[in-house]
Protein backbone atom coordinates (compact mmCIF):
# COMPACT_ATOMS: atom_id res chain seq x y z
CA MET A 1 -4.01 -10.77 44.86
CA GLY A 2 -0.36 -11.14 45.99
CA PHE A 3 1.49 -14.27 47.01
CA ARG A 4 0.82 -13.70 50.71
CA GLY A 5 -2.91 -13.43 50.12
CA MET A 6 -3.20 -16.85 48.43
CA ASP A 7 -4.60 -19.89 50.16
CA LYS A 8 -2.20 -22.54 51.42
CA HIS A 9 -3.07 -25.03 48.68
CA ARG A 10 -2.27 -22.47 45.92
CA LYS A 11 0.96 -21.47 47.66
CA GLY A 12 1.95 -25.10 47.86
CA GLU A 13 1.42 -25.61 44.13
CA ILE A 14 3.51 -22.54 43.28
CA LEU A 15 6.31 -23.56 45.62
CA ALA A 16 6.28 -27.11 44.24
CA PHE A 17 6.48 -25.75 40.72
CA HIS A 18 9.34 -23.48 41.77
CA ASP A 19 11.21 -26.41 43.30
CA LYS A 20 10.91 -28.32 40.00
CA LEU A 21 11.73 -25.32 37.85
CA ASN A 22 14.70 -23.98 39.84
CA PRO A 23 17.10 -26.87 39.03
CA LEU A 24 16.27 -26.50 35.34
CA VAL A 25 16.97 -22.76 35.49
CA MET A 26 20.25 -23.36 37.29
CA ASP A 27 21.28 -26.01 34.76
CA THR A 28 20.45 -23.63 31.91
CA VAL A 29 22.52 -20.87 33.48
CA ASP A 30 25.43 -23.26 34.05
CA LEU A 31 25.17 -24.47 30.47
CA GLY A 32 25.22 -20.88 29.24
CA ASN A 33 28.31 -20.16 31.30
CA GLN A 34 30.02 -23.26 29.95
CA VAL A 35 29.18 -22.25 26.40
CA ASP A 36 30.66 -18.79 27.00
CA ILE A 37 33.82 -20.35 28.44
CA MET A 38 34.11 -22.78 25.52
CA ARG A 39 33.55 -19.99 23.03
CA GLN A 40 36.20 -17.82 24.71
CA SER A 41 38.63 -20.74 24.81
CA GLY A 42 37.92 -21.50 21.19
CA ALA A 43 38.56 -17.88 20.24
CA GLU A 44 41.88 -17.91 22.08
CA PHE A 45 42.85 -21.20 20.42
CA ARG A 46 41.92 -19.86 16.97
CA GLY A 47 43.96 -16.74 17.65
CA GLU A 48 47.05 -18.74 18.67
CA LEU A 49 46.67 -21.08 15.68
CA ASN A 50 46.24 -18.19 13.25
CA ASP A 51 49.38 -16.52 14.68
CA LEU A 52 51.29 -19.76 14.17
CA LEU A 53 50.06 -20.04 10.58
CA ALA A 54 51.10 -16.44 9.91
CA GLU A 55 54.60 -17.04 11.30
CA THR A 56 54.92 -20.23 9.25
CA GLN A 57 53.88 -18.38 6.12
CA LYS A 58 56.46 -15.65 6.74
CA LEU A 59 59.19 -18.26 7.32
CA ALA A 60 58.26 -20.09 4.11
CA GLU A 61 58.38 -16.83 2.13
CA HIS A 62 61.77 -15.98 3.67
CA MET A 63 63.15 -19.38 2.68
CA LYS A 64 61.46 -19.08 -0.74
CA LEU A 65 59.54 -22.29 -0.21
CA THR A 66 56.08 -23.07 -1.56
CA VAL A 67 54.01 -24.38 1.34
CA GLN A 68 50.29 -25.12 1.12
CA LEU A 69 48.95 -23.91 4.47
CA PRO A 70 45.31 -23.99 5.58
CA ARG A 71 43.44 -20.69 5.63
CA PRO A 72 43.12 -18.87 8.98
CA LEU A 73 40.22 -20.14 11.02
CA SER A 74 37.27 -17.81 11.53
CA VAL A 75 33.76 -18.06 12.86
CA GLU A 76 31.14 -15.55 11.81
CA ALA A 77 29.63 -13.46 14.55
CA GLY A 78 26.40 -14.99 15.75
CA SER A 79 27.08 -18.42 14.19
CA LEU A 80 26.38 -20.07 17.54
CA ASN A 81 23.02 -18.31 17.64
CA SER A 82 22.33 -19.54 14.10
CA ASP A 83 23.06 -23.12 15.17
CA ILE A 84 20.76 -22.75 18.17
CA ASP A 85 18.04 -21.30 15.94
CA ALA A 86 18.42 -24.19 13.48
CA VAL A 87 17.96 -26.71 16.30
CA TYR A 88 15.04 -24.72 17.67
CA PHE A 89 13.25 -24.60 14.31
CA ALA A 90 13.94 -28.28 13.68
CA SER A 91 12.24 -29.20 16.97
CA ASN A 92 9.46 -26.61 16.63
CA SER A 93 8.32 -26.90 13.02
CA GLU A 94 5.16 -24.86 13.64
CA TYR A 95 7.36 -21.83 14.40
CA ALA A 96 9.73 -22.38 11.47
CA LYS A 97 8.38 -19.26 9.75
CA ALA A 98 7.02 -15.98 10.96
CA LYS A 99 3.35 -15.37 10.27
CA ILE A 100 2.34 -13.53 7.11
CA PHE A 101 0.84 -10.72 9.18
CA PRO A 102 1.25 -10.02 12.90
CA GLU A 103 -1.61 -10.91 15.22
CA LEU A 104 -4.21 -8.20 15.79
CA GLN A 105 -5.95 -7.52 19.07
CA THR A 106 -9.74 -7.83 19.14
CA GLU A 107 -10.14 -4.06 19.41
CA GLU A 108 -7.88 -3.55 16.38
CA ILE A 109 -10.01 -5.87 14.26
CA ILE A 110 -13.16 -4.09 15.42
CA PHE A 111 -11.65 -0.67 14.70
CA SER A 112 -10.65 -1.77 11.18
CA ALA A 113 -14.17 -3.04 10.47
CA VAL A 114 -15.71 0.16 11.85
CA ALA A 115 -13.42 2.26 9.65
CA GLY A 116 -14.61 0.23 6.66
CA LEU A 117 -18.27 0.71 7.65
CA LEU A 118 -17.77 4.46 8.05
CA SER A 119 -16.27 4.53 4.56
CA VAL A 120 -19.37 2.73 3.25
CA MET A 121 -21.67 5.26 4.91
CA ILE A 122 -19.78 8.21 3.42
CA ASP A 123 -19.84 6.53 0.01
CA MET A 124 -23.58 5.90 0.14
CA VAL A 125 -24.69 9.20 1.65
CA PHE A 126 -22.27 11.82 0.34
CA VAL A 127 -20.62 10.29 -2.75
CA GLY A 128 -23.82 8.73 -4.00
CA THR A 129 -24.32 7.93 -7.68
CA PRO A 130 -24.22 10.44 -10.55
CA GLU A 131 -27.35 9.62 -12.50
CA VAL A 132 -27.82 12.19 -15.21
CA VAL A 133 -26.26 15.39 -16.50
CA THR A 134 -28.62 17.29 -18.73
CA ILE A 135 -27.08 20.08 -20.75
CA TRP A 136 -29.08 22.67 -22.60
CA ARG A 137 -28.23 25.99 -24.16
CA GLY A 138 -27.13 28.28 -21.38
CA GLY A 139 -27.26 25.82 -18.47
CA LYS A 140 -27.06 22.27 -17.10
CA ASN A 141 -28.61 20.01 -14.49
CA PHE A 142 -26.80 17.45 -12.33
CA ASP A 143 -28.35 14.81 -10.14
CA GLY A 144 -27.04 12.07 -7.85
CA SER A 145 -24.00 13.03 -5.73
CA ILE A 146 -23.73 15.64 -2.99
CA LEU A 147 -19.94 15.90 -3.05
CA THR A 148 -19.68 15.85 -6.84
CA GLY A 149 -22.46 18.40 -7.08
CA LEU A 150 -20.46 20.76 -4.87
CA LEU A 151 -17.28 20.18 -6.89
CA ARG A 152 -19.12 20.96 -10.12
CA LYS A 153 -19.69 24.49 -8.80
CA ALA A 154 -15.95 25.09 -8.40
CA GLY A 155 -14.35 27.48 -10.91
CA LYS A 156 -17.68 29.14 -11.67
CA ASP A 157 -19.04 32.56 -10.87
CA SER A 158 -22.53 33.30 -9.57
CA ASP A 159 -23.93 33.07 -13.11
CA GLY A 160 -22.45 29.60 -13.69
CA GLU A 161 -19.79 30.88 -16.09
CA LEU A 162 -16.10 29.97 -15.89
CA ASN A 163 -14.09 32.40 -13.80
CA SER A 164 -11.68 34.81 -15.45
CA ILE A 165 -8.58 32.60 -15.03
CA LEU A 166 -10.21 29.58 -16.63
CA GLN A 167 -11.66 31.75 -19.37
CA TRP A 168 -8.16 33.07 -20.12
CA LEU A 169 -6.76 29.52 -20.25
CA SER A 170 -9.59 28.42 -22.54
CA GLU A 171 -8.86 31.26 -24.97
CA HIS A 172 -5.06 31.07 -24.97
CA CYS A 173 -4.36 27.34 -24.56
CA LYS A 174 -5.73 26.20 -27.90
CA VAL A 175 -4.45 22.75 -28.88
CA PRO A 176 -4.72 20.76 -32.13
CA TYR A 177 -6.22 17.70 -30.43
CA ASP A 178 -9.34 19.51 -29.21
CA ILE A 179 -11.59 18.28 -32.02
CA SER A 180 -15.15 17.75 -30.84
CA ALA A 181 -16.82 16.09 -33.83
CA VAL A 182 -15.51 13.62 -36.41
CA LYS A 183 -17.82 11.15 -38.16
CA ASN A 184 -17.57 7.56 -36.83
CA ILE A 185 -14.96 8.64 -34.29
CA MET A 186 -16.28 11.12 -31.73
CA TYR A 187 -18.77 13.85 -31.01
CA PRO A 188 -19.00 16.69 -28.42
CA ASN A 189 -20.32 14.52 -25.55
CA ASN A 190 -17.54 11.93 -25.74
CA HIS A 191 -14.59 13.59 -27.50
CA ARG A 192 -12.59 14.03 -24.26
CA LEU A 193 -13.08 10.37 -23.44
CA ARG A 194 -12.00 9.27 -26.91
CA SER A 195 -9.06 11.72 -27.18
CA LEU A 196 -5.97 10.23 -25.52
CA SER A 197 -4.46 13.66 -24.95
CA HIS A 198 -7.33 14.65 -22.66
CA ASP A 199 -6.45 11.98 -20.11
CA PRO A 200 -5.39 13.70 -16.83
CA PHE A 201 -2.87 10.98 -15.97
CA LEU A 202 -1.57 9.31 -19.14
CA GLY A 203 -2.33 12.09 -21.59
CA LEU A 204 0.88 14.13 -21.27
CA PHE A 205 2.85 11.97 -23.72
CA PHE A 206 0.08 12.01 -26.35
CA ALA A 207 -0.62 15.72 -25.84
CA VAL A 208 3.01 16.72 -26.39
CA ALA A 209 3.19 14.53 -29.50
CA ASP A 210 -0.06 15.98 -30.86
CA ILE A 211 1.08 19.56 -30.24
CA LEU A 212 4.43 18.95 -31.92
CA MET A 213 2.87 17.17 -34.91
CA GLY A 214 -0.38 19.15 -35.17
CA THR A 215 -2.47 15.98 -34.82
CA THR A 216 -5.27 14.43 -32.78
CA THR A 217 -4.72 10.94 -31.38
CA CYS A 218 -8.05 9.30 -30.59
CA ILE A 219 -10.05 6.07 -30.62
CA GLY A 220 -12.78 5.47 -33.17
CA ASN A 221 -16.07 3.58 -32.97
CA ASP A 222 -14.24 0.45 -34.09
CA GLY A 223 -11.93 0.54 -31.05
CA LYS A 224 -8.82 1.37 -33.06
CA ILE A 225 -6.44 4.29 -32.65
CA LYS A 226 -6.80 7.07 -35.18
CA ILE A 227 -4.30 9.87 -35.82
CA LEU A 228 -5.96 12.83 -37.49
CA LEU A 229 -4.12 15.75 -39.08
CA ASN A 230 -5.53 18.99 -37.79
CA TRP A 231 -3.50 22.21 -37.86
CA GLN A 232 0.16 22.98 -37.43
CA THR A 233 1.22 24.66 -34.23
CA ASP A 234 3.75 27.48 -34.10
CA THR A 235 7.17 27.37 -32.46
CA SER A 236 6.04 28.92 -29.16
CA GLN A 237 3.35 26.26 -28.73
CA LYS A 238 5.84 23.50 -29.42
CA LEU A 239 8.32 24.88 -26.90
CA LEU A 240 5.58 25.27 -24.29
CA ALA A 241 3.76 22.04 -25.09
CA VAL A 242 3.56 20.92 -21.44
CA PHE A 243 2.19 24.32 -20.39
CA TYR A 244 -0.46 24.15 -23.11
CA TYR A 245 -1.41 20.63 -22.03
CA ILE A 246 -1.87 21.66 -18.38
CA GLY A 247 -3.61 24.91 -19.27
CA HIS A 248 -6.06 23.15 -21.56
CA LEU A 249 -6.83 20.49 -18.93
CA LEU A 250 -7.59 23.17 -16.34
CA SER A 251 -9.87 25.02 -18.73
CA ASP A 252 -11.80 21.79 -19.42
CA LEU A 253 -11.92 20.62 -15.79
CA CYS A 254 -14.83 22.81 -14.69
CA THR A 255 -16.94 22.62 -17.84
CA ALA A 256 -20.20 20.68 -18.04
CA ARG A 257 -18.65 17.39 -19.20
CA GLY A 258 -15.40 17.85 -17.32
CA LEU A 259 -12.42 15.52 -17.74
CA PRO A 260 -12.66 11.73 -17.79
CA VAL A 261 -11.42 9.51 -14.97
CA PRO A 262 -7.67 8.78 -15.34
CA GLY A 263 -7.14 5.89 -17.73
CA ALA A 264 -10.79 5.78 -18.79
CA PHE A 265 -9.85 6.00 -22.51
CA LEU A 266 -8.55 2.39 -22.24
CA THR A 267 -12.17 1.21 -22.04
CA GLN A 268 -12.80 2.51 -25.57
CA PHE A 269 -10.72 -0.31 -27.03
CA PHE A 270 -13.30 -2.88 -25.87
CA VAL A 271 -16.13 -2.21 -28.30
CA GLY A 272 -17.20 -5.83 -28.66
CA ASP A 273 -19.82 -6.13 -31.37
CA GLY A 274 -20.75 -2.47 -30.98
CA SER A 275 -23.75 -3.15 -28.73
CA ASP A 276 -24.77 -1.01 -25.76
CA ASP A 277 -23.54 -3.61 -23.25
CA SER A 278 -19.93 -3.40 -24.41
CA LEU A 279 -17.38 -1.99 -21.95
CA ALA A 280 -16.70 0.95 -24.26
CA LYS A 281 -20.35 1.94 -24.43
CA ILE A 282 -20.95 1.47 -20.69
CA ALA A 283 -17.95 3.66 -19.85
CA GLU A 284 -19.12 6.28 -22.34
CA ASN A 285 -22.59 6.39 -20.78
CA MET A 286 -21.04 6.66 -17.29
CA TYR A 287 -18.94 9.62 -18.43
CA ARG A 288 -21.98 11.32 -19.96
CA ASP A 289 -23.89 10.84 -16.68
CA GLY A 290 -21.21 12.65 -14.66
CA TYR A 291 -18.68 9.93 -13.82
CA ASP A 292 -15.77 12.28 -14.46
CA LEU A 293 -12.64 13.51 -12.67
CA ARG A 294 -14.69 15.51 -10.17
CA HIS A 295 -16.65 12.42 -9.20
CA PHE A 296 -13.34 10.55 -8.99
CA ALA A 297 -12.27 13.11 -6.38
CA SER A 298 -15.55 12.53 -4.52
CA MET A 299 -14.97 8.77 -4.53
CA SER A 300 -11.56 9.33 -2.96
CA VAL A 301 -13.04 10.95 0.16
CA PRO A 302 -14.30 7.78 1.93
CA VAL A 303 -11.10 5.93 1.03
CA VAL A 304 -8.90 8.71 2.43
CA VAL A 305 -11.00 8.97 5.61
CA LYS A 306 -10.70 5.21 6.17
CA ASP A 307 -6.93 5.20 5.65
CA LEU A 308 -6.39 8.24 7.88
CA LEU A 309 -8.42 6.69 10.71
CA ILE A 310 -6.28 3.56 10.69
CA CYS A 311 -3.02 5.53 10.47
CA ALA A 312 -4.12 7.76 13.37
CA TYR A 313 -5.11 4.75 15.47
CA LEU A 314 -1.74 3.10 14.96
CA ARG A 315 0.10 6.34 15.68
CA ILE A 316 -1.77 6.78 18.97
CA THR A 317 -1.65 3.16 20.17
CA GLY A 318 1.67 2.11 18.62
CA THR A 319 4.05 0.10 20.82
CA GLU A 320 7.61 -1.03 20.30
CA HIS A 321 9.21 -4.42 20.86
CA VAL A 322 12.08 -4.57 23.33
CA PHE A 323 14.87 -7.00 22.48
CA GLN A 324 17.25 -6.09 25.33
CA GLY A 325 20.31 -5.89 23.10
CA ALA A 326 19.87 -9.35 21.58
CA PHE A 327 20.41 -7.87 18.12
CA SER A 328 22.02 -4.83 16.59
CA GLU A 329 20.12 -1.55 16.79
CA ASN A 330 19.60 -1.47 13.00
CA THR A 331 18.24 -5.03 12.98
CA GLU A 332 15.75 -4.25 15.73
CA ARG A 333 14.72 -1.01 14.03
CA GLU A 334 14.11 -2.76 10.69
CA TYR A 335 12.14 -5.53 12.39
CA ARG A 336 9.93 -3.03 14.24
CA LYS A 337 9.38 -1.03 11.06
CA LEU A 338 8.41 -4.16 9.11
CA GLN A 339 6.00 -5.36 11.79
CA GLU A 340 4.36 -1.93 12.03
CA THR A 341 3.95 -1.81 8.25
CA LEU A 342 2.48 -5.32 8.12
CA LYS A 343 0.10 -4.52 10.96
CA GLN A 344 -1.12 -1.41 9.13
CA GLU A 345 -1.55 -3.37 5.88
CA LYS A 346 -3.54 -6.07 7.68
CA MET A 347 -5.88 -3.50 9.23
CA LEU A 348 -6.26 -1.81 5.83
CA LEU A 349 -7.03 -5.18 4.24
CA ILE A 350 -9.85 -5.74 6.73
CA ALA A 351 -11.20 -2.22 6.26
CA ASN A 352 -10.96 -2.43 2.47
CA THR A 353 -12.74 -5.78 2.45
CA VAL A 354 -15.64 -4.29 4.44
CA ALA A 355 -15.72 -1.11 2.31
CA THR A 356 -15.61 -3.04 -0.98
CA ALA A 357 -18.40 -5.37 0.17
CA GLY A 358 -20.41 -2.27 1.07
CA ASN A 359 -19.85 -0.84 -2.42
CA VAL A 360 -21.16 -4.10 -3.92
CA ILE A 361 -24.28 -3.80 -1.76
CA LYS A 362 -24.68 -0.20 -2.91
CA LEU A 363 -24.40 -1.31 -6.55
CA VAL A 364 -27.05 -4.04 -6.39
CA SER A 365 -29.50 -2.43 -3.95
CA PRO A 366 -32.38 -0.10 -4.85
CA PRO A 367 -32.62 2.63 -6.00
CA VAL A 368 -29.30 2.12 -7.81
CA SER A 369 -30.11 -1.44 -8.91
CA GLY A 370 -27.08 -2.13 -11.06
CA ASN A 371 -26.19 1.38 -12.25
CA PRO A 372 -22.42 1.13 -12.94
CA CYS A 373 -22.00 4.75 -11.84
CA ALA A 374 -22.39 3.43 -8.27
CA ILE A 375 -19.01 1.67 -8.55
CA ASN A 376 -16.40 3.39 -6.40
CA ALA A 377 -13.34 2.92 -8.59
CA VAL A 378 -10.99 4.39 -5.99
CA GLN A 379 -12.13 1.87 -3.37
CA TRP A 380 -11.69 -1.02 -5.80
CA PHE A 381 -8.17 0.18 -6.61
CA ALA A 382 -7.46 0.25 -2.85
CA MET A 383 -8.78 -3.30 -2.51
CA ILE A 384 -6.62 -4.53 -5.39
CA ARG A 385 -3.60 -2.87 -3.83
CA SER A 386 -4.30 -4.59 -0.48
CA GLY A 387 -4.60 -7.94 -2.25
CA ILE A 388 -1.27 -7.46 -4.03
CA THR A 389 0.36 -6.45 -0.74
CA ALA A 390 -0.99 -9.60 0.94
CA VAL A 391 0.42 -11.80 -1.83
CA LYS A 392 3.82 -10.11 -1.58
CA ALA A 393 3.79 -10.51 2.20
CA ALA A 394 2.99 -14.22 1.90
CA ASN A 395 5.93 -14.79 -0.46
CA ARG A 396 8.61 -12.83 1.39
CA ASP A 397 11.57 -14.46 3.13
CA ARG A 398 10.37 -14.81 6.72
CA VAL A 399 13.32 -16.68 8.22
CA PRO A 400 15.10 -13.58 9.65
CA GLU A 401 11.84 -12.47 11.23
CA SER A 402 11.38 -15.93 12.72
CA VAL A 403 14.79 -15.74 14.37
CA ILE A 404 14.09 -12.32 15.88
CA ALA A 405 10.59 -13.30 17.01
CA ALA A 406 11.96 -16.45 18.66
CA ARG A 407 14.56 -14.42 20.54
CA PHE A 408 11.90 -11.98 21.63
CA ALA A 409 9.69 -14.84 22.87
CA ILE A 410 12.62 -16.32 24.82
CA ASN A 411 13.32 -12.93 26.42
CA GLN A 412 9.69 -12.57 27.41
CA THR A 413 9.67 -16.07 28.93
CA TRP A 414 12.76 -15.30 30.99
CA GLN A 415 11.17 -12.09 32.22
CA LYS A 416 8.08 -14.04 33.32
CA LEU A 417 10.23 -16.61 35.12
CA LYS A 418 12.15 -13.86 36.87
CA GLY A 419 8.85 -12.26 37.87
CA ILE A 420 7.63 -15.55 39.38
CA GLU A 421 10.88 -15.94 41.29
CA GLU A 422 10.64 -12.38 42.65
CA THR A 423 7.01 -12.93 43.67
CA GLN A 424 7.90 -16.11 45.55
CA SER A 425 10.69 -14.34 47.40
CA LEU A 426 8.21 -11.86 48.96
């Protein structure tokens, strides 16, 4: 409803407010003009004084006199704004710092929670829980995860045998650290978990060292590192150590046991008293039940879907702040970029909180009932990352952001006042 359509009582209130506000606006404008005049006068005075100091210095040098003159006067650009900001923050302590994260709209919070719930559904239905891998002569059986079950068929032919490329890699990429059975150290079902060189993320360093030295670096039943002498490699293997490492990993990737989750060998240091409830033994049982690199890829699916949904939402609905030239273009660009990043991290934090809570429910609920294979390691890593990001955001220097946000709020207020004035003039 426009101004003309209002009742007389409402019009009277608006006009009365305008009459009270108008003198204040005029005084503010006059004060701004006076400040500009004073600043211009001050600049002219500083220029004249600096010229006088320069001439005096030249005269002193010409007469070979030592004169202690004051340094030329200068005022940093924007120092007046800094003084105004200092007064503003002193009188408005609740706005002295920008918020850790920008405010989210209700629909943004809901969308983040929905993205987290969708991630939970994908984790429960499609990722599932690898329960048992039974291997017998000539075949294997896998139970528990739809996505992982599909991935376990990759690299195989119709008869379940490795395809020709993987067979070639298995035959030609022989490495000294591929020992499958050593008493009190490892056996066929856990040798890739115990061998540091089989790690798909951290194993490159150990693999190269083992190939060069002809050794096997592994972890024994006592949780200590063992270096076993195996067989000496030839010069070509040493020169192509990285190629042999990658080739051997690929040949192992699609076998029955597969490759362990990146960094999983670290669990083998925590043997405790050697009981079945030690971290080393639990991780070993998880690996034997199919919690390998292929299942790690399956666990990544709900996390990636969640993150992509939030990124797509922000890309579609993203808006930019308008500062109307109050700051330099680079400053405004950096501020916008920071706020967009913080907004995305806040939405991810909400979604990760929901998804992680859902994974806990999956872990404790029937039929899983505490099976550690139900843990989605990728989701927990994402939650830890969000927590670290939140801590870093809380401890950043927020004063520059506070200044920019205050200027933006002032600009918005002036726009609203101008809008009221234009409405009343109709």
